[in-house]
Amino acid sequence: MLRQLEGIVLRSRDYGETHKIITIYTKQIGKITALCRGANKPKSRLSAVSQPFIYGDFQAYMPKGLSTVQQASVLQSFRKIREDIEKTAYASYIVELLEKLTEEKERDVFLFKELLLTLSWINEHDSYLIPIMMFELRMFEKGGFKPLLDQCMQCGEKEGPFAFSVQEGGVLCLRCQSVDPYAITLNKALTKLLPILQSVSLERVGNISVKEENVLMMRRLLDAYYDRFGSYTLKSKRFLEQLDKLK
């Protein structure tokens, strides 16, 4: 069965001397794995479209086993991501996170759109840490370990101030903060910002202006949260940590 699919390449690996196997997150049917015959040959028409981060149109033959890409064309190459090691590292992180936390052929048009918007943002902007964290929060929900950020985990109180508890998986009001002595108190800005970042599409975000100390705090909280609840070790995340040490 031939399918016309719009998708983003998450991963590409060599298969034999001349072929590649790619993982594509498609708008129509979610994540698929497909063979690109001859993609390693210099003059192959599939060479350009079998690289990570490529957004393209794919015509794929889809039997019960491994799919095969018959034809493809590039819609967006995200060239600026490829030319910048830090942008490449962050893009690699979000696509690896999506690959690990999604099932084969599980359609999610919203998540596809958010992935495309996030890659486009990284490609076009110098500041992209907030969109990265927004996408992480989408993936935490997809993976089944979404933190509760808009009300107290214990009593349901919706008015801050709150403290973020990695142990409890969300925020605690001041009355319930004693449940976790290690909970980190959030300032007013973070109390309001975190649930917004979790709930709105990047499409609705204009210019993002967040104080550096708040960005660093959110980064610290999300890293600790994934370390506790995430079930996969991510190679790209380790590389990002190494990059941070070099700065």
C-alpha atoms as a PDB file:
ATOM      1  CA  MET A   1       0.000   0.000   0.000  1.00  0.00           C
ATOM      2  CA  LEU A   2       1.429   3.396  -1.021  1.00  0.00           C
ATOM      3  CA  ARG A   3       0.931   6.345   1.336  1.00  0.00           C
ATOM      4  CA  GLN A   4       1.716  10.021   0.819  1.00  0.00           C
ATOM      5  CA  LEU A   5       3.045  11.338   4.123  1.00  0.00           C
ATOM      6  CA  GLU A   6       4.188  14.683   5.467  1.00  0.00           C
ATOM      7  CA  GLY A   7       6.828  14.152   8.103  1.00  0.00           C
ATOM      8  CA  ILE A   8       9.992  15.080   9.992  1.00  0.00           C
ATOM      9  CA  VAL A   9      12.999  12.761  10.127  1.00  0.00           C
ATOM     10  CA  LEU A  10      13.853  11.961  13.751  1.00  0.00           C
ATOM     11  CA  ARG A  11      16.718   9.536  13.207  1.00  0.00           C
ATOM     12  CA  SER A  12      18.777   8.087  10.394  1.00  0.00           C
ATOM     13  CA  ARG A  13      21.159   5.138  10.461  1.00  0.00           C
ATOM     14  CA  ASP A  14      23.139   3.235   7.861  1.00  0.00           C
ATOM     15  CA  TYR A  15      21.831  -0.111   6.689  1.00  0.00           C
ATOM     16  CA  GLY A  16      24.411  -2.035   4.739  1.00  0.00           C
ATOM     17  CA  GLU A  17      26.780  -0.075   2.509  1.00  0.00           C
ATOM     18  CA  THR A  18      24.280   1.895   0.477  1.00  0.00           C
ATOM     19  CA  HIS A  19      20.960   2.063   2.338  1.00  0.00           C
ATOM     20  CA  LYS A  20      19.565   3.988   5.300  1.00  0.00           C
ATOM     21  CA  ILE A  21      16.799   3.266   7.772  1.00  0.00           C
ATOM     22  CA  ILE A  22      15.028   6.395   8.944  1.00  0.00           C
ATOM     23  CA  THR A  23      12.477   7.128  11.649  1.00  0.00           C
ATOM     24  CA  ILE A  24       9.877   9.691  10.539  1.00  0.00           C
ATOM     25  CA  TYR A  25       7.260  11.435  12.646  1.00  0.00           C
ATOM     26  CA  THR A  26       4.379  11.937  10.245  1.00  0.00           C
ATOM     27  CA  LYS A  27       1.325  14.155  10.422  1.00  0.00           C
ATOM     28  CA  GLN A  28      -0.968  11.441   9.068  1.00  0.00           C
ATOM     29  CA  ILE A  29      -0.050   8.324  11.071  1.00  0.00           C
ATOM     30  CA  GLY A  30       2.552   9.258  13.689  1.00  0.00           C
ATOM     31  CA  LYS A  31       5.939   7.594  13.955  1.00  0.00           C
ATOM     32  CA  ILE A  32       7.117   5.103  11.342  1.00  0.00           C
ATOM     33  CA  THR A  33      10.386   3.412  10.425  1.00  0.00           C
ATOM     34  CA  ALA A  34      11.254   3.104   6.747  1.00  0.00           C
ATOM     35  CA  LEU A  35      14.028   1.905   4.471  1.00  0.00           C
ATOM     36  CA  CYS A  36      15.618   4.347   2.003  1.00  0.00           C
ATOM     37  CA  ARG A  37      17.262   2.191  -0.633  1.00  0.00           C
ATOM     38  CA  GLY A  38      20.517   3.601  -2.008  1.00  0.00           C
ATOM     39  CA  ALA A  39      20.327   6.732   0.174  1.00  0.00           C
ATOM     40  CA  ASN A  40      24.062   6.503   0.919  1.00  0.00           C
ATOM     41  CA  LYS A  41      24.966   6.759  -2.761  1.00  0.00           C
ATOM     42  CA  PRO A  42      26.205  10.277  -3.673  1.00  0.00           C
ATOM     43  CA  LYS A  43      23.736  10.739  -6.529  1.00  0.00           C
ATOM     44  CA  SER A  44      20.723   9.178  -4.757  1.00  0.00           C
ATOM     45  CA  ARG A  45      17.509  11.204  -4.881  1.00  0.00           C
ATOM     46  CA  LEU A  46      16.845  10.047  -1.300  1.00  0.00           C
ATOM     47  CA  SER A  47      20.175  11.206   0.131  1.00  0.00           C
ATOM     48  CA  ALA A  48      19.007  14.707   1.093  1.00  0.00           C
ATOM     49  CA  VAL A  49      15.674  13.638   2.585  1.00  0.00           C
ATOM     50  CA  SER A  50      17.118  10.892   4.793  1.00  0.00           C
ATOM     51  CA  GLN A  51      18.924  13.278   7.172  1.00  0.00           C
ATOM     52  CA  PRO A  52      17.748  14.147  10.720  1.00  0.00           C
ATOM     53  CA  PHE A  53      15.464  17.221  11.072  1.00  0.00           C
ATOM     54  CA  ILE A  54      14.415  17.158   7.401  1.00  0.00           C
ATOM     55  CA  TYR A  55      10.771  18.131   6.971  1.00  0.00           C
ATOM     56  CA  GLY A  56       9.507  16.587   3.776  1.00  0.00           C
ATOM     57  CA  ASP A  57       6.880  14.861   1.673  1.00  0.00           C
ATOM     58  CA  PHE A  58       7.381  11.100   1.561  1.00  0.00           C
ATOM     59  CA  GLN A  59       5.783   8.490  -0.632  1.00  0.00           C
ATOM     60  CA  ALA A  60       6.161   5.211   1.212  1.00  0.00           C
ATOM     61  CA  TYR A  61       5.217   1.620   0.472  1.00  0.00           C
ATOM     62  CA  MET A  62       3.771   0.263   3.710  1.00  0.00           C
ATOM     63  CA  PRO A  63       3.368  -3.519   3.984  1.00  0.00           C
ATOM     64  CA  LYS A  64       2.965  -5.241   7.363  1.00  0.00           C
ATOM     65  CA  GLY A  65       6.725  -5.226   7.896  1.00  0.00           C
ATOM     66  CA  LEU A  66       9.315  -2.510   7.280  1.00  0.00           C
ATOM     67  CA  SER A  67       8.103   0.372   5.122  1.00  0.00           C
ATOM     68  CA  THR A  68      10.107   1.600   2.119  1.00  0.00           C
ATOM     69  CA  VAL A  69      10.418   5.198   0.935  1.00  0.00           C
ATOM     70  CA  GLN A  70       9.790   5.280  -2.817  1.00  0.00           C
ATOM     71  CA  GLN A  71      10.038   9.028  -3.436  1.00  0.00           C
ATOM     72  CA  ALA A  72      10.517  12.111  -1.281  1.00  0.00           C
ATOM     73  CA  SER A  73      11.057  15.850  -1.498  1.00  0.00           C
ATOM     74  CA  VAL A  74      12.393  18.365   1.018  1.00  0.00           C
ATOM     75  CA  LEU A  75       9.936  20.957   2.336  1.00  0.00           C
ATOM     76  CA  GLN A  76      12.313  22.495   4.894  1.00  0.00           C
ATOM     77  CA  SER A  77      15.921  21.540   5.658  1.00  0.00           C
ATOM     78  CA  PHE A  78      16.417  23.743   8.751  1.00  0.00           C
ATOM     79  CA  ARG A  79      19.828  24.735   7.439  1.00  0.00           C
ATOM     80  CA  LYS A  80      20.627  27.122  10.320  1.00  0.00           C
ATOM     81  CA  ILE A  81      20.195  24.278  12.809  1.00  0.00           C
ATOM     82  CA  ARG A  82      22.702  22.148  10.910  1.00  0.00           C
ATOM     83  CA  GLU A  83      25.264  24.961  10.822  1.00  0.00           C
ATOM     84  CA  ASP A  84      25.242  25.590  14.603  1.00  0.00           C
ATOM     85  CA  ILE A  85      26.447  22.925  17.034  1.00  0.00           C
ATOM     86  CA  GLU A  86      24.302  24.176  19.923  1.00  0.00           C
ATOM     87  CA  LYS A  87      21.142  24.366  17.808  1.00  0.00           C
ATOM     88  CA  THR A  88      21.907  20.891  16.482  1.00  0.00           C
ATOM     89  CA  ALA A  89      22.290  19.607  20.046  1.00  0.00           C
ATOM     90  CA  TYR A  90      18.944  21.029  21.201  1.00  0.00           C
ATOM     91  CA  ALA A  91      17.140  19.855  18.073  1.00  0.00           C
ATOM     92  CA  SER A  92      18.642  16.395  18.587  1.00  0.00           C
ATOM     93  CA  TYR A  93      17.354  16.435  22.155  1.00  0.00           C
ATOM     94  CA  ILE A  94      13.728  17.178  21.312  1.00  0.00           C
ATOM     95  CA  VAL A  95      13.562  14.662  18.454  1.00  0.00           C
ATOM     96  CA  GLU A  96      15.169  11.956  20.606  1.00  0.00           C
ATOM     97  CA  LEU A  97      12.716  12.717  23.405  1.00  0.00           C
ATOM     98  CA  LEU A  98       9.814  12.399  20.965  1.00  0.00           C
ATOM     99  CA  GLU A  99      11.188   9.200  19.474  1.00  0.00           C
ATOM    100  CA  LYS A 100      11.559   7.569  22.886  1.00  0.00           C
ATOM    101  CA  LEU A 101       8.181   8.642  24.290  1.00  0.00           C
ATOM    102  CA  THR A 102       5.890   7.894  21.336  1.00  0.00           C
ATOM    103  CA  GLU A 103       4.610   4.598  19.981  1.00  0.00           C
ATOM    104  CA  GLU A 104       4.716   3.455  16.376  1.00  0.00           C
ATOM    105  CA  LYS A 105       1.805   4.667  14.238  1.00  0.00           C
ATOM    106  CA  GLU A 106       0.158   6.657  17.032  1.00  0.00           C
ATOM    107  CA  ARG A 107      -1.234   9.741  15.282  1.00  0.00           C
ATOM    108  CA  ASP A 108      -1.021  13.086  17.080  1.00  0.00           C
ATOM    109  CA  VAL A 109      -1.491  16.072  14.770  1.00  0.00           C
ATOM    110  CA  PHE A 110      -1.034  18.590  17.609  1.00  0.00           C
ATOM    111  CA  LEU A 111       2.300  17.099  18.637  1.00  0.00           C
ATOM    112  CA  PHE A 112       3.450  17.056  15.008  1.00  0.00           C
ATOM    113  CA  LYS A 113       2.596  20.746  14.719  1.00  0.00           C
ATOM    114  CA  GLU A 114       4.431  21.584  17.958  1.00  0.00           C
ATOM    115  CA  LEU A 115       7.533  19.696  16.789  1.00  0.00           C
ATOM    116  CA  LEU A 116       7.524  21.602  13.508  1.00  0.00           C
ATOM    117  CA  LEU A 117       6.979  24.942  15.273  1.00  0.00           C
ATOM    118  CA  THR A 118       9.773  24.229  17.763  1.00  0.00           C
ATOM    119  CA  LEU A 119      12.298  23.270  15.087  1.00  0.00           C
ATOM    120  CA  SER A 120      11.323  26.368  13.105  1.00  0.00           C
ATOM    121  CA  TRP A 121      11.836  28.529  16.199  1.00  0.00           C
ATOM    122  CA  ILE A 122      15.276  27.036  16.880  1.00  0.00           C
ATOM    123  CA  ASN A 123      16.173  27.546  13.235  1.00  0.00           C
ATOM    124  CA  GLU A 124      15.149  31.216  13.156  1.00  0.00           C
ATOM    125  CA  HIS A 125      15.930  32.541  16.650  1.00  0.00           C
ATOM    126  CA  ASP A 126      19.013  32.916  18.810  1.00  0.00           C
ATOM    127  CA  SER A 127      16.999  32.376  22.009  1.00  0.00           C
ATOM    128  CA  TYR A 128      15.086  29.091  22.132  1.00  0.00           C
ATOM    129  CA  LEU A 129      15.307  27.640  25.648  1.00  0.00           C
ATOM    130  CA  ILE A 130      11.688  28.480  26.495  1.00  0.00           C
ATOM    131  CA  PRO A 131      10.268  26.737  23.368  1.00  0.00           C
ATOM    132  CA  ILE A 132      12.475  23.737  24.205  1.00  0.00           C
ATOM    133  CA  MET A 133      10.977  23.545  27.694  1.00  0.00           C
ATOM    134  CA  MET A 134       7.463  23.960  26.322  1.00  0.00           C
ATOM    135  CA  PHE A 135       8.077  20.966  24.070  1.00  0.00           C
ATOM    136  CA  GLU A 136       9.506  18.978  26.985  1.00  0.00           C
ATOM    137  CA  LEU A 137       6.302  19.558  28.940  1.00  0.00           C
ATOM    138  CA  ARG A 138       4.296  18.258  25.932  1.00  0.00           C
ATOM    139  CA  MET A 139       6.451  15.152  25.911  1.00  0.00           C
ATOM    140  CA  PHE A 140       6.125  14.604  29.665  1.00  0.00           C
ATOM    141  CA  GLU A 141       2.365  14.511  29.115  1.00  0.00           C
ATOM    142  CA  LYS A 142       2.758  12.169  26.151  1.00  0.00           C
ATOM    143  CA  GLY A 143       4.948   9.892  28.230  1.00  0.00           C
ATOM    144  CA  GLY A 144       2.346   9.724  31.012  1.00  0.00           C
ATOM    145  CA  PHE A 145       4.260  11.661  33.670  1.00  0.00           C
ATOM    146  CA  LYS A 146       2.889  15.177  33.275  1.00  0.00           C
ATOM    147  CA  PRO A 147       3.563  17.390  36.334  1.00  0.00           C
ATOM    148  CA  LEU A 148       0.570  19.129  37.913  1.00  0.00           C
ATOM    149  CA  LEU A 149       1.412  22.828  37.743  1.00  0.00           C
ATOM    150  CA  ASP A 150      -1.842  24.776  38.112  1.00  0.00           C
ATOM    151  CA  GLN A 151      -3.006  23.539  41.528  1.00  0.00           C
ATOM    152  CA  CYS A 152      -1.663  21.933  44.679  1.00  0.00           C
ATOM    153  CA  MET A 153      -0.995  18.204  44.391  1.00  0.00           C
ATOM    154  CA  GLN A 154      -2.352  17.600  47.887  1.00  0.00           C
ATOM    155  CA  CYS A 155      -5.364  19.854  48.448  1.00  0.00           C
ATOM    156  CA  GLY A 156      -6.196  21.251  45.021  1.00  0.00           C
ATOM    157  CA  GLU A 157      -5.565  24.886  45.971  1.00  0.00           C
ATOM    158  CA  LYS A 158      -5.358  26.951  42.771  1.00  0.00           C
ATOM    159  CA  GLU A 159      -3.965  30.182  44.192  1.00  0.00           C
ATOM    160  CA  GLY A 160      -0.217  30.480  44.709  1.00  0.00           C
ATOM    161  CA  PRO A 161       2.380  30.873  45.932  1.00  0.00           C
ATOM    162  CA  PHE A 162       3.535  27.342  45.227  1.00  0.00           C
ATOM    163  CA  ALA A 163       6.598  25.184  45.668  1.00  0.00           C
ATOM    164  CA  PHE A 164       7.660  22.644  43.044  1.00  0.00           C
ATOM    165  CA  SER A 165       8.009  19.107  44.366  1.00  0.00           C
ATOM    166  CA  VAL A 166       9.868  16.629  42.183  1.00  0.00           C
ATOM    167  CA  GLN A 167       8.981  13.922  44.699  1.00  0.00           C
ATOM    168  CA  GLU A 168       5.242  14.593  44.496  1.00  0.00           C
ATOM    169  CA  GLY A 169       5.185  15.308  40.758  1.00  0.00           C
ATOM    170  CA  GLY A 170       3.945  18.892  40.769  1.00  0.00           C
ATOM    171  CA  VAL A 171       3.339  21.966  42.889  1.00  0.00           C
ATOM    172  CA  LEU A 172       2.407  22.252  46.559  1.00  0.00           C
ATOM    173  CA  CYS A 173       0.762  25.214  48.270  1.00  0.00           C
ATOM    174  CA  LEU A 174       2.413  26.669  51.354  1.00  0.00           C
ATOM    175  CA  ARG A 175       0.080  24.743  53.680  1.00  0.00           C
ATOM    176  CA  CYS A 176       1.068  21.440  52.076  1.00  0.00           C
ATOM    177  CA  GLN A 177       4.728  22.182  51.423  1.00  0.00           C
ATOM    178  CA  SER A 178       5.752  20.209  54.510  1.00  0.00           C
ATOM    179  CA  VAL A 179       4.860  17.020  52.579  1.00  0.00           C
ATOM    180  CA  ASP A 180       8.184  17.472  50.783  1.00  0.00           C
ATOM    181  CA  PRO A 181      10.910  19.345  52.694  1.00  0.00           C
ATOM    182  CA  TYR A 182      12.960  19.488  49.479  1.00  0.00           C
ATOM    183  CA  ALA A 183      10.257  21.272  47.456  1.00  0.00           C
ATOM    184  CA  ILE A 184      11.587  24.440  45.805  1.00  0.00           C
ATOM    185  CA  THR A 185       9.568  27.616  46.376  1.00  0.00           C
ATOM    186  CA  LEU A 186       8.526  29.341  43.158  1.00  0.00           C
ATOM    187  CA  ASN A 187       8.425  33.099  42.784  1.00  0.00           C
ATOM    188  CA  LYS A 188       5.301  34.801  41.429  1.00  0.00           C
ATOM    189  CA  ALA A 189       6.594  34.848  37.857  1.00  0.00           C
ATOM    190  CA  LEU A 190       7.285  31.113  37.767  1.00  0.00           C
ATOM    191  CA  THR A 191       4.031  30.289  39.540  1.00  0.00           C
ATOM    192  CA  LYS A 192       2.168  31.964  36.651  1.00  0.00           C
ATOM    193  CA  LEU A 193       4.536  31.008  33.837  1.00  0.00           C
ATOM    194  CA  LEU A 194       4.880  27.247  34.286  1.00  0.00           C
ATOM    195  CA  PRO A 195       1.193  26.319  33.754  1.00  0.00           C
ATOM    196  CA  ILE A 196       1.042  28.658  30.750  1.00  0.00           C
ATOM    197  CA  LEU A 197       4.050  27.019  29.116  1.00  0.00           C
ATOM    198  CA  GLN A 198       2.477  23.630  29.756  1.00  0.00           C
ATOM    199  CA  SER A 199      -0.903  24.475  28.247  1.00  0.00           C
ATOM    200  CA  VAL A 200      -0.467  26.879  25.303  1.00  0.00           C
ATOM    201  CA  SER A 201       0.763  26.154  21.794  1.00  0.00           C
ATOM    202  CA  LEU A 202       4.004  27.738  20.663  1.00  0.00           C
ATOM    203  CA  GLU A 203       1.906  29.167  17.829  1.00  0.00           C
ATOM    204  CA  ARG A 204       0.286  31.535  20.344  1.00  0.00           C
ATOM    205  CA  VAL A 205       3.598  32.789  21.712  1.00  0.00           C
ATOM    206  CA  GLY A 206       5.074  36.027  20.377  1.00  0.00           C
ATOM    207  CA  ASN A 207       8.291  37.451  21.740  1.00  0.00           C
ATOM    208  CA  ILE A 208       9.411  35.531  24.816  1.00  0.00           C
ATOM    209  CA  SER A 209      11.003  37.584  27.588  1.00  0.00           C
ATOM    210  CA  VAL A 210      11.879  35.714  30.769  1.00  0.00           C
ATOM    211  CA  LYS A 211      14.549  36.666  33.284  1.00  0.00           C
ATOM    212  CA  GLU A 212      17.647  34.522  33.042  1.00  0.00           C
ATOM    213  CA  GLU A 213      17.403  33.365  36.651  1.00  0.00           C
ATOM    214  CA  ASN A 214      13.860  32.101  35.980  1.00  0.00           C
ATOM    215  CA  VAL A 215      14.985  30.265  32.841  1.00  0.00           C
ATOM    216  CA  LEU A 216      17.800  28.605  34.806  1.00  0.00           C
ATOM    217  CA  MET A 217      15.411  27.631  37.597  1.00  0.00           C
ATOM    218  CA  MET A 218      12.933  26.049  35.157  1.00  0.00           C
ATOM    219  CA  ARG A 219      15.809  24.199  33.490  1.00  0.00           C
ATOM    220  CA  ARG A 220      16.905  22.858  36.871  1.00  0.00           C
ATOM    221  CA  LEU A 221      13.370  21.772  37.797  1.00  0.00           C
ATOM    222  CA  LEU A 222      12.642  20.008  34.489  1.00  0.00           C
ATOM    223  CA  ASP A 223      15.987  18.226  34.521  1.00  0.00           C
ATOM    224  CA  ALA A 224      15.363  16.937  38.052  1.00  0.00           C
ATOM    225  CA  TYR A 225      11.804  15.961  37.117  1.00  0.00           C
ATOM    226  CA  TYR A 226      12.873  13.944  34.075  1.00  0.00           C
ATOM    227  CA  ASP A 227      15.664  12.282  36.056  1.00  0.00           C
ATOM    228  CA  ARG A 228      13.033  10.988  38.480  1.00  0.00           C
ATOM    229  CA  PHE A 229      10.182  10.075  36.144  1.00  0.00           C
ATOM    230  CA  GLY A 230      11.715   9.679  32.689  1.00  0.00           C
ATOM    231  CA  SER A 231      12.430   6.069  31.814  1.00  0.00           C
ATOM    232  CA  TYR A 232      15.040   6.585  29.078  1.00  0.00           C
ATOM    233  CA  THR A 233      18.660   7.701  29.124  1.00  0.00           C
ATOM    234  CA  LEU A 234      19.062  10.266  26.349  1.00  0.00           C
ATOM    235  CA  LYS A 235      22.417  10.545  24.551  1.00  0.00           C
ATOM    236  CA  SER A 236      21.552  14.029  23.331  1.00  0.00           C
ATOM    237  CA  LYS A 237      20.884  15.217  26.891  1.00  0.00           C
ATOM    238  CA  ARG A 238      24.314  14.051  28.018  1.00  0.00           C
ATOM    239  CA  PHE A 239      25.869  15.963  25.112  1.00  0.00           C
ATOM    240  CA  LEU A 240      23.973  19.119  26.107  1.00  0.00           C
ATOM    241  CA  GLU A 241      25.313  18.781  29.641  1.00  0.00           C
ATOM    242  CA  GLN A 242      28.845  18.546  28.235  1.00  0.00           C
ATOM    243  CA  LEU A 243      28.257  21.669  26.130  1.00  0.00           C
ATOM    244  CA  ASP A 244      27.068  23.572  29.211  1.00  0.00           C
ATOM    245  CA  LYS A 245      30.277  22.642  31.061  1.00  0.00           C
ATOM    246  CA  LEU A 246      32.352  24.054  28.215  1.00  0.00           C
ATOM    247  CA  LYS A 247      30.594  27.457  28.324  1.00  0.00           C
END
